[in-house]
Amino acid sequence: MTKFFFDTEFIEYAPSKNEKGTIDLISIGIVSDNGREYYAIYDGFDESKASDWVKENVITKLETDIVRKSMPQISKDIIEFVYPHGRTEINPEFYAYFCSYDWVVFCWIFGSTINLPDGFPMWCRDLKHIMTENDISRLELPEQNEATHHNALDDARWNLLAYNEIQKIVAN
């Protein structure tokens, strides 16, 4: 079993009279428990729909030397990242912190939850839920670097660190 820790950055906008609401991917970062990393910026996000907060706290932290990718390319990359040698005995587990929106965005990369690749679970493990069940405070976890917080790859790295710390706390 391989664990994958991920984070997405996205633009969320509520429905209006003229437009449906949605969640649009900006970027995704994934870190495996064996140290491999994946990062992509979606080439189709509409910055004009981003809130001022997203523009200031997310878009300014996007990697500048990364070629932006189409959704089909990101989907293909993630499958190859999770199954680097083709689908074998790997049974991936996905973890995120406050994962509700992240999981929806992740599934939409493949079209919908029902279109997830073979072997991918249809649910994500939420680190915040694990913390709540075990009465673990955020203050007990490693601090996030505020300079890189809301960069999807750095947040995915933090998710792995947080998971490892949660496991230590639960074991004691």
N, C-alpha and C. Protein backbone atom coordinates (compact mmCIF):
# COMPACT_ATOMS: atom_id res chain seq x y z
N MET A 1 0.85 -1.18 0.00
CA MET A 1 0.00 0.00 0.00
C MET A 1 0.89 1.24 0.00
N THR A 2 0.61 2.15 -0.89
CA THR A 2 1.37 3.39 -0.98
C THR A 2 0.45 4.54 -0.60
N LYS A 3 0.98 5.42 0.22
CA LYS A 3 0.22 6.59 0.65
C LYS A 3 0.65 7.80 -0.18
N PHE A 4 -0.35 8.58 -0.57
CA PHE A 4 -0.12 9.80 -1.33
C PHE A 4 -0.77 10.96 -0.59
N PHE A 5 0.01 11.99 -0.36
CA PHE A 5 -0.44 13.17 0.36
C PHE A 5 -0.54 14.30 -0.66
N PHE A 6 -1.71 14.92 -0.73
CA PHE A 6 -1.89 15.91 -1.78
C PHE A 6 -2.59 17.16 -1.27
N ASP A 7 -2.49 18.18 -2.09
CA ASP A 7 -3.20 19.42 -1.84
C ASP A 7 -3.53 20.02 -3.20
N THR A 8 -4.65 20.69 -3.27
CA THR A 8 -4.99 21.44 -4.47
C THR A 8 -5.20 22.90 -4.09
N GLU A 9 -4.94 23.75 -5.03
CA GLU A 9 -5.33 25.14 -4.90
C GLU A 9 -6.37 25.36 -5.98
N PHE A 10 -7.37 26.17 -5.68
CA PHE A 10 -8.51 26.27 -6.58
C PHE A 10 -9.20 27.61 -6.44
N ILE A 11 -10.03 27.89 -7.44
CA ILE A 11 -10.89 29.06 -7.41
C ILE A 11 -12.30 28.55 -7.17
N GLU A 12 -12.92 29.05 -6.13
CA GLU A 12 -14.29 28.67 -5.80
C GLU A 12 -15.17 29.88 -6.03
N TYR A 13 -16.24 29.68 -6.76
CA TYR A 13 -17.18 30.77 -6.86
C TYR A 13 -18.61 30.23 -6.79
N ALA A 14 -19.42 30.96 -6.05
CA ALA A 14 -20.80 30.56 -5.79
C ALA A 14 -21.66 30.84 -7.02
N PRO A 15 -22.76 30.13 -7.12
CA PRO A 15 -23.66 30.38 -8.25
C PRO A 15 -24.24 31.79 -8.20
N SER A 16 -24.50 32.33 -9.36
CA SER A 16 -25.17 33.62 -9.47
C SER A 16 -26.34 33.46 -10.44
N LYS A 17 -27.04 34.51 -10.70
CA LYS A 17 -28.17 34.44 -11.64
C LYS A 17 -27.70 34.05 -13.04
N ASN A 18 -26.48 34.43 -13.39
CA ASN A 18 -26.00 34.22 -14.75
C ASN A 18 -25.04 33.05 -14.90
N GLU A 19 -24.59 32.48 -13.79
CA GLU A 19 -23.53 31.49 -13.89
C GLU A 19 -23.65 30.44 -12.80
N LYS A 20 -23.32 29.21 -13.15
CA LYS A 20 -23.28 28.15 -12.15
C LYS A 20 -22.04 28.34 -11.28
N GLY A 21 -22.10 27.92 -10.05
CA GLY A 21 -20.93 27.94 -9.21
C GLY A 21 -20.08 26.71 -9.49
N THR A 22 -18.83 26.79 -9.15
CA THR A 22 -17.95 25.65 -9.35
C THR A 22 -16.67 25.83 -8.54
N ILE A 23 -15.83 24.84 -8.65
CA ILE A 23 -14.49 24.88 -8.06
C ILE A 23 -13.53 24.58 -9.21
N ASP A 24 -12.66 25.52 -9.53
CA ASP A 24 -11.73 25.34 -10.64
C ASP A 24 -10.31 25.11 -10.12
N LEU A 25 -9.69 24.06 -10.61
CA LEU A 25 -8.31 23.75 -10.24
C LEU A 25 -7.37 24.85 -10.69
N ILE A 26 -6.46 25.22 -9.80
CA ILE A 26 -5.32 26.07 -10.14
C ILE A 26 -4.08 25.19 -10.21
N SER A 27 -3.82 24.45 -9.11
CA SER A 27 -2.62 23.62 -9.07
C SER A 27 -2.85 22.43 -8.15
N ILE A 28 -2.00 21.43 -8.32
CA ILE A 28 -2.05 20.24 -7.48
C ILE A 28 -0.62 19.82 -7.15
N GLY A 29 -0.43 19.43 -5.90
CA GLY A 29 0.84 18.86 -5.45
C GLY A 29 0.57 17.52 -4.80
N ILE A 30 1.40 16.54 -5.10
CA ILE A 30 1.26 15.20 -4.51
C ILE A 30 2.63 14.74 -4.07
N VAL A 31 2.70 14.17 -2.87
CA VAL A 31 3.94 13.60 -2.34
C VAL A 31 3.62 12.17 -1.92
N SER A 32 4.43 11.23 -2.37
CA SER A 32 4.23 9.84 -1.95
C SER A 32 5.01 9.57 -0.68
N ASP A 33 4.62 8.50 0.02
CA ASP A 33 5.32 8.18 1.27
C ASP A 33 6.74 7.68 1.02
N ASN A 34 7.11 7.46 -0.23
CA ASN A 34 8.50 7.09 -0.53
C ASN A 34 9.31 8.29 -1.06
N GLY A 35 8.72 9.50 -0.97
CA GLY A 35 9.46 10.71 -1.27
C GLY A 35 9.32 11.27 -2.67
N ARG A 36 8.64 10.58 -3.56
CA ARG A 36 8.45 11.13 -4.91
C ARG A 36 7.45 12.27 -4.86
N GLU A 37 7.60 13.22 -5.78
CA GLU A 37 6.73 14.40 -5.79
C GLU A 37 6.21 14.70 -7.19
N TYR A 38 5.01 15.26 -7.22
CA TYR A 38 4.41 15.71 -8.48
C TYR A 38 3.77 17.07 -8.23
N TYR A 39 3.93 17.96 -9.20
CA TYR A 39 3.34 19.29 -9.11
C TYR A 39 2.90 19.71 -10.51
N ALA A 40 1.71 20.26 -10.60
CA ALA A 40 1.23 20.77 -11.89
C ALA A 40 0.37 22.01 -11.66
N ILE A 41 0.43 22.89 -12.63
CA ILE A 41 -0.44 24.05 -12.68
C ILE A 41 -1.34 23.87 -13.91
N TYR A 42 -2.62 24.00 -13.70
CA TYR A 42 -3.60 23.84 -14.77
C TYR A 42 -3.57 25.05 -15.69
N ASP A 43 -3.47 24.80 -16.99
CA ASP A 43 -3.39 25.91 -17.95
C ASP A 43 -4.74 26.55 -18.26
N GLY A 44 -5.82 26.02 -17.70
CA GLY A 44 -7.14 26.53 -18.04
C GLY A 44 -7.85 27.29 -16.94
N PHE A 45 -7.18 27.56 -15.84
CA PHE A 45 -7.90 28.30 -14.79
C PHE A 45 -8.03 29.77 -15.19
N ASP A 46 -9.12 30.36 -14.77
CA ASP A 46 -9.44 31.73 -15.14
C ASP A 46 -9.15 32.65 -13.95
N GLU A 47 -7.98 33.29 -13.98
CA GLU A 47 -7.56 34.14 -12.87
C GLU A 47 -8.55 35.28 -12.61
N SER A 48 -9.27 35.70 -13.64
CA SER A 48 -10.22 36.81 -13.44
C SER A 48 -11.36 36.42 -12.51
N LYS A 49 -11.60 35.12 -12.33
CA LYS A 49 -12.66 34.67 -11.44
C LYS A 49 -12.17 34.46 -10.00
N ALA A 50 -10.88 34.60 -9.79
CA ALA A 50 -10.31 34.40 -8.46
C ALA A 50 -10.64 35.59 -7.56
N SER A 51 -10.87 35.28 -6.30
CA SER A 51 -11.07 36.35 -5.31
C SER A 51 -9.74 37.06 -5.08
N ASP A 52 -9.80 38.22 -4.48
CA ASP A 52 -8.58 38.94 -4.15
C ASP A 52 -7.70 38.10 -3.23
N TRP A 53 -8.34 37.37 -2.30
CA TRP A 53 -7.58 36.52 -1.38
C TRP A 53 -6.80 35.45 -2.15
N VAL A 54 -7.45 34.78 -3.10
CA VAL A 54 -6.78 33.74 -3.89
C VAL A 54 -5.66 34.37 -4.73
N LYS A 55 -5.91 35.52 -5.31
CA LYS A 55 -4.87 36.19 -6.11
C LYS A 55 -3.65 36.49 -5.24
N GLU A 56 -3.89 36.99 -4.04
CA GLU A 56 -2.79 37.39 -3.16
C GLU A 56 -2.09 36.20 -2.49
N ASN A 57 -2.85 35.19 -2.08
CA ASN A 57 -2.29 34.11 -1.25
C ASN A 57 -1.99 32.82 -2.00
N VAL A 58 -2.52 32.66 -3.20
CA VAL A 58 -2.30 31.43 -3.95
C VAL A 58 -1.57 31.70 -5.26
N ILE A 59 -2.13 32.55 -6.09
CA ILE A 59 -1.56 32.76 -7.42
C ILE A 59 -0.16 33.34 -7.34
N THR A 60 0.11 34.18 -6.34
CA THR A 60 1.46 34.74 -6.18
C THR A 60 2.48 33.67 -5.78
N LYS A 61 2.01 32.50 -5.32
CA LYS A 61 2.92 31.44 -4.86
C LYS A 61 3.06 30.31 -5.87
N LEU A 62 2.50 30.48 -7.06
CA LEU A 62 2.67 29.46 -8.09
C LEU A 62 4.12 29.42 -8.55
N GLU A 63 4.60 28.22 -8.81
CA GLU A 63 5.95 28.07 -9.33
C GLU A 63 6.01 28.77 -10.68
N THR A 64 7.03 29.57 -10.91
CA THR A 64 7.11 30.34 -12.15
C THR A 64 7.83 29.59 -13.26
N ASP A 65 8.60 28.58 -12.91
CA ASP A 65 9.38 27.86 -13.93
C ASP A 65 8.69 26.56 -14.38
N ILE A 66 7.41 26.42 -14.07
CA ILE A 66 6.64 25.22 -14.41
C ILE A 66 5.79 25.51 -15.64
N VAL A 67 5.85 24.61 -16.61
CA VAL A 67 4.97 24.72 -17.77
C VAL A 67 3.57 24.31 -17.35
N ARG A 68 2.60 25.13 -17.63
CA ARG A 68 1.22 24.82 -17.27
C ARG A 68 0.70 23.71 -18.18
N LYS A 69 -0.21 22.89 -17.63
CA LYS A 69 -0.65 21.69 -18.33
C LYS A 69 -2.16 21.65 -18.49
N SER A 70 -2.59 20.92 -19.51
CA SER A 70 -4.02 20.68 -19.74
C SER A 70 -4.53 19.67 -18.73
N MET A 71 -5.84 19.63 -18.56
CA MET A 71 -6.44 18.65 -17.64
C MET A 71 -6.14 17.22 -18.09
N PRO A 72 -6.27 16.88 -19.40
CA PRO A 72 -5.92 15.51 -19.79
C PRO A 72 -4.46 15.15 -19.48
N GLN A 73 -3.55 16.12 -19.61
CA GLN A 73 -2.15 15.83 -19.31
C GLN A 73 -1.95 15.63 -17.81
N ILE A 74 -2.60 16.45 -16.99
CA ILE A 74 -2.49 16.29 -15.53
C ILE A 74 -3.03 14.93 -15.13
N SER A 75 -4.18 14.55 -15.68
CA SER A 75 -4.78 13.25 -15.39
C SER A 75 -3.80 12.12 -15.73
N LYS A 76 -3.24 12.17 -16.92
CA LYS A 76 -2.27 11.15 -17.36
C LYS A 76 -1.05 11.13 -16.44
N ASP A 77 -0.55 12.31 -16.10
CA ASP A 77 0.63 12.41 -15.22
C ASP A 77 0.36 11.77 -13.86
N ILE A 78 -0.82 12.04 -13.29
CA ILE A 78 -1.13 11.51 -11.97
C ILE A 78 -1.21 9.98 -12.00
N ILE A 79 -1.84 9.44 -13.03
CA ILE A 79 -1.89 7.98 -13.16
C ILE A 79 -0.48 7.41 -13.24
N GLU A 80 0.39 8.02 -14.04
CA GLU A 80 1.78 7.56 -14.15
C GLU A 80 2.55 7.76 -12.86
N PHE A 81 2.22 8.81 -12.11
CA PHE A 81 2.87 9.06 -10.82
C PHE A 81 2.48 8.00 -9.80
N VAL A 82 1.19 7.69 -9.74
CA VAL A 82 0.70 6.70 -8.78
C VAL A 82 1.14 5.29 -9.19
N TYR A 83 1.11 5.01 -10.47
CA TYR A 83 1.50 3.69 -11.00
C TYR A 83 2.72 3.83 -11.92
N PRO A 84 3.90 4.11 -11.36
CA PRO A 84 5.06 4.38 -12.22
C PRO A 84 5.50 3.18 -13.07
N HIS A 85 5.12 2.00 -12.69
CA HIS A 85 5.49 0.80 -13.44
C HIS A 85 4.24 0.12 -13.99
N GLY A 86 3.19 0.90 -14.23
CA GLY A 86 1.91 0.33 -14.62
C GLY A 86 1.18 -0.15 -13.39
N ARG A 87 -0.07 -0.46 -13.54
CA ARG A 87 -0.87 -0.90 -12.39
C ARG A 87 -0.35 -2.24 -11.90
N THR A 88 0.19 -2.25 -10.71
CA THR A 88 0.72 -3.47 -10.11
C THR A 88 0.01 -3.70 -8.79
N GLU A 89 0.75 -4.11 -7.78
CA GLU A 89 0.14 -4.40 -6.48
C GLU A 89 -0.15 -3.14 -5.67
N ILE A 90 0.16 -2.00 -6.19
CA ILE A 90 -0.07 -0.75 -5.46
C ILE A 90 -1.55 -0.55 -5.23
N ASN A 91 -1.92 -0.34 -3.98
CA ASN A 91 -3.27 0.06 -3.60
C ASN A 91 -3.15 1.44 -2.98
N PRO A 92 -3.33 2.48 -3.78
CA PRO A 92 -3.06 3.83 -3.26
C PRO A 92 -4.07 4.27 -2.21
N GLU A 93 -3.55 5.00 -1.23
CA GLU A 93 -4.38 5.71 -0.26
C GLU A 93 -4.06 7.18 -0.43
N PHE A 94 -5.08 8.02 -0.42
CA PHE A 94 -4.89 9.45 -0.58
C PHE A 94 -5.26 10.16 0.71
N TYR A 95 -4.41 11.10 1.10
CA TYR A 95 -4.59 11.88 2.32
C TYR A 95 -4.50 13.36 2.00
N ALA A 96 -5.35 14.15 2.67
CA ALA A 96 -5.28 15.60 2.55
C ALA A 96 -5.78 16.20 3.86
N TYR A 97 -5.50 17.47 4.07
CA TYR A 97 -5.92 18.18 5.28
C TYR A 97 -7.15 19.00 4.94
N PHE A 98 -8.25 18.81 5.67
CA PHE A 98 -9.55 19.39 5.31
C PHE A 98 -9.84 19.06 3.84
N CYS A 99 -10.02 17.78 3.58
CA CYS A 99 -9.96 17.25 2.21
C CYS A 99 -11.21 17.43 1.36
N SER A 100 -12.29 17.93 1.88
CA SER A 100 -13.55 17.92 1.13
C SER A 100 -13.43 18.54 -0.26
N TYR A 101 -13.02 19.77 -0.35
CA TYR A 101 -12.91 20.43 -1.65
C TYR A 101 -11.75 19.83 -2.45
N ASP A 102 -10.65 19.52 -1.79
CA ASP A 102 -9.51 18.94 -2.49
C ASP A 102 -9.90 17.65 -3.20
N TRP A 103 -10.70 16.82 -2.52
CA TRP A 103 -11.08 15.53 -3.11
C TRP A 103 -12.00 15.74 -4.31
N VAL A 104 -12.92 16.68 -4.22
CA VAL A 104 -13.78 16.97 -5.37
C VAL A 104 -12.94 17.43 -6.55
N VAL A 105 -12.04 18.36 -6.32
CA VAL A 105 -11.17 18.86 -7.40
C VAL A 105 -10.33 17.71 -7.96
N PHE A 106 -9.77 16.88 -7.09
CA PHE A 106 -8.97 15.73 -7.53
C PHE A 106 -9.80 14.82 -8.43
N CYS A 107 -10.99 14.47 -8.00
CA CYS A 107 -11.85 13.57 -8.81
C CYS A 107 -12.21 14.20 -10.14
N TRP A 108 -12.46 15.51 -10.15
CA TRP A 108 -12.83 16.18 -11.40
C TRP A 108 -11.69 16.17 -12.42
N ILE A 109 -10.46 16.01 -11.96
CA ILE A 109 -9.34 15.89 -12.90
C ILE A 109 -9.57 14.72 -13.84
N PHE A 110 -10.26 13.70 -13.35
CA PHE A 110 -10.53 12.49 -14.14
C PHE A 110 -11.94 12.50 -14.73
N GLY A 111 -12.68 13.54 -14.53
CA GLY A 111 -14.04 13.66 -15.03
C GLY A 111 -15.05 13.69 -13.89
N SER A 112 -15.01 12.68 -13.04
CA SER A 112 -15.86 12.60 -11.86
C SER A 112 -15.36 11.45 -11.00
N THR A 113 -15.96 11.26 -9.85
CA THR A 113 -15.53 10.19 -8.96
C THR A 113 -15.64 8.83 -9.64
N ILE A 114 -16.70 8.62 -10.39
CA ILE A 114 -16.91 7.33 -11.04
C ILE A 114 -15.85 7.06 -12.11
N ASN A 115 -15.16 8.10 -12.58
CA ASN A 115 -14.13 7.96 -13.60
C ASN A 115 -12.72 7.85 -13.04
N LEU A 116 -12.59 7.73 -11.73
CA LEU A 116 -11.25 7.57 -11.16
C LEU A 116 -10.58 6.35 -11.78
N PRO A 117 -9.26 6.39 -11.93
CA PRO A 117 -8.55 5.25 -12.52
C PRO A 117 -8.75 3.97 -11.71
N ASP A 118 -8.65 2.83 -12.39
CA ASP A 118 -8.75 1.53 -11.73
C ASP A 118 -7.79 1.48 -10.55
N GLY A 119 -8.30 1.02 -9.43
CA GLY A 119 -7.48 0.87 -8.24
C GLY A 119 -7.46 2.07 -7.33
N PHE A 120 -7.88 3.23 -7.82
CA PHE A 120 -7.95 4.41 -6.96
C PHE A 120 -9.18 4.27 -6.06
N PRO A 121 -9.05 4.59 -4.78
CA PRO A 121 -10.23 4.56 -3.91
C PRO A 121 -11.18 5.69 -4.28
N MET A 122 -12.42 5.56 -3.92
CA MET A 122 -13.40 6.60 -4.22
C MET A 122 -13.55 7.58 -3.06
N TRP A 123 -12.61 7.55 -2.14
CA TRP A 123 -12.64 8.45 -1.00
C TRP A 123 -11.22 8.78 -0.57
N CYS A 124 -11.14 9.86 0.18
CA CYS A 124 -9.86 10.36 0.66
C CYS A 124 -9.85 10.33 2.18
N ARG A 125 -8.70 10.09 2.74
CA ARG A 125 -8.55 10.11 4.19
C ARG A 125 -8.21 11.53 4.63
N ASP A 126 -8.99 12.05 5.55
CA ASP A 126 -8.85 13.43 5.99
C ASP A 126 -8.00 13.51 7.25
N LEU A 127 -6.86 14.18 7.15
CA LEU A 127 -5.98 14.32 8.31
C LEU A 127 -6.67 15.05 9.45
N LYS A 128 -7.48 16.04 9.14
CA LYS A 128 -8.19 16.77 10.19
C LYS A 128 -9.16 15.84 10.92
N HIS A 129 -9.81 14.95 10.21
CA HIS A 129 -10.71 13.98 10.83
C HIS A 129 -9.94 13.05 11.76
N ILE A 130 -8.79 12.58 11.31
CA ILE A 130 -7.95 11.70 12.14
C ILE A 130 -7.52 12.45 13.40
N MET A 131 -7.17 13.73 13.25
CA MET A 131 -6.77 14.53 14.41
C MET A 131 -7.93 14.66 15.39
N THR A 132 -9.12 14.93 14.89
CA THR A 132 -10.29 15.11 15.75
C THR A 132 -10.60 13.82 16.51
N GLU A 133 -10.55 12.70 15.81
CA GLU A 133 -10.83 11.41 16.46
C GLU A 133 -9.83 11.10 17.56
N ASN A 134 -8.62 11.61 17.44
CA ASN A 134 -7.57 11.31 18.40
C ASN A 134 -7.24 12.49 19.31
N ASP A 135 -8.09 13.52 19.30
CA ASP A 135 -7.93 14.70 20.16
C ASP A 135 -6.53 15.31 20.00
N ILE A 136 -6.14 15.51 18.75
CA ILE A 136 -4.84 16.10 18.44
C ILE A 136 -5.06 17.52 17.95
N SER A 137 -4.37 18.47 18.56
CA SER A 137 -4.48 19.87 18.19
C SER A 137 -3.52 20.20 17.05
N ARG A 138 -3.89 21.16 16.25
CA ARG A 138 -3.01 21.64 15.17
C ARG A 138 -1.69 22.13 15.75
N LEU A 139 -1.73 22.63 16.98
CA LEU A 139 -0.51 23.12 17.64
C LEU A 139 0.51 22.02 17.91
N GLU A 140 0.06 20.76 17.89
CA GLU A 140 0.96 19.62 18.11
C GLU A 140 1.68 19.19 16.83
N LEU A 141 1.31 19.78 15.73
CA LEU A 141 1.89 19.40 14.44
C LEU A 141 2.98 20.39 14.04
N PRO A 142 3.82 20.00 13.10
CA PRO A 142 4.86 20.93 12.63
C PRO A 142 4.22 22.20 12.06
N GLU A 143 4.91 23.32 12.24
CA GLU A 143 4.41 24.58 11.68
C GLU A 143 4.58 24.56 10.18
N GLN A 144 3.64 25.22 9.50
CA GLN A 144 3.79 25.39 8.07
C GLN A 144 4.55 26.68 7.82
N ASN A 145 5.34 26.68 6.78
CA ASN A 145 6.08 27.88 6.39
C ASN A 145 5.09 28.85 5.77
N GLU A 146 4.85 29.98 6.41
CA GLU A 146 3.87 30.94 5.91
C GLU A 146 4.25 31.50 4.54
N ALA A 147 5.54 31.53 4.24
CA ALA A 147 5.97 32.05 2.95
C ALA A 147 5.55 31.14 1.80
N THR A 148 5.37 29.84 2.08
CA THR A 148 5.01 28.89 1.02
C THR A 148 3.65 28.25 1.25
N HIS A 149 2.99 28.58 2.35
CA HIS A 149 1.65 28.03 2.63
C HIS A 149 0.72 28.47 1.50
N HIS A 150 -0.08 27.56 1.01
CA HIS A 150 -0.98 27.73 -0.13
C HIS A 150 -0.27 27.54 -1.46
N ASN A 151 0.92 26.98 -1.43
CA ASN A 151 1.54 26.40 -2.62
C ASN A 151 1.21 24.92 -2.52
N ALA A 152 0.55 24.36 -3.53
CA ALA A 152 0.02 23.00 -3.43
C ALA A 152 1.10 21.97 -3.10
N LEU A 153 2.27 22.09 -3.69
CA LEU A 153 3.32 21.10 -3.41
C LEU A 153 3.84 21.24 -1.98
N ASP A 154 4.07 22.46 -1.54
CA ASP A 154 4.54 22.65 -0.16
C ASP A 154 3.50 22.20 0.85
N ASP A 155 2.23 22.43 0.55
CA ASP A 155 1.18 21.96 1.45
C ASP A 155 1.08 20.44 1.44
N ALA A 156 1.30 19.80 0.30
CA ALA A 156 1.32 18.33 0.24
C ALA A 156 2.49 17.79 1.07
N ARG A 157 3.63 18.45 1.00
CA ARG A 157 4.78 18.05 1.83
C ARG A 157 4.43 18.16 3.30
N TRP A 158 3.75 19.25 3.67
CA TRP A 158 3.34 19.43 5.06
C TRP A 158 2.36 18.34 5.47
N ASN A 159 1.47 17.95 4.58
CA ASN A 159 0.51 16.88 4.90
C ASN A 159 1.24 15.60 5.28
N LEU A 160 2.31 15.28 4.56
CA LEU A 160 3.11 14.09 4.91
C LEU A 160 3.75 14.26 6.28
N LEU A 161 4.33 15.43 6.54
CA LEU A 161 4.92 15.68 7.87
C LEU A 161 3.86 15.59 8.96
N ALA A 162 2.71 16.17 8.72
CA ALA A 162 1.61 16.13 9.70
C ALA A 162 1.18 14.69 9.95
N TYR A 163 1.03 13.91 8.89
CA TYR A 163 0.64 12.50 9.04
C TYR A 163 1.65 11.75 9.91
N ASN A 164 2.92 11.95 9.63
CA ASN A 164 3.95 11.26 10.42
C ASN A 164 3.89 11.66 11.89
N GLU A 165 3.65 12.93 12.15
CA GLU A 165 3.55 13.40 13.54
C GLU A 165 2.29 12.83 14.20
N ILE A 166 1.19 12.81 13.47
CA ILE A 166 -0.05 12.23 14.01
C ILE A 166 0.18 10.77 14.38
N GLN A 167 0.88 10.03 13.54
CA GLN A 167 1.14 8.62 13.82
C GLN A 167 1.98 8.45 15.09
N LYS A 168 2.96 9.33 15.29
CA LYS A 168 3.78 9.28 16.51
C LYS A 168 2.92 9.55 17.74
N ILE A 169 2.05 10.57 17.65
CA ILE A 169 1.21 10.93 18.79
C ILE A 169 0.26 9.79 19.12
N VAL A 170 -0.36 9.22 18.11
CA VAL A 170 -1.33 8.13 18.32
C VAL A 170 -0.62 6.91 18.92
N ALA A 171 0.61 6.65 18.50
CA ALA A 171 1.35 5.48 19.00
C ALA A 171 1.71 5.60 20.47
N ASN A 172 1.80 6.83 20.97
CA ASN A 172 2.18 7.03 22.38
C ASN A 172 0.99 7.05 23.21
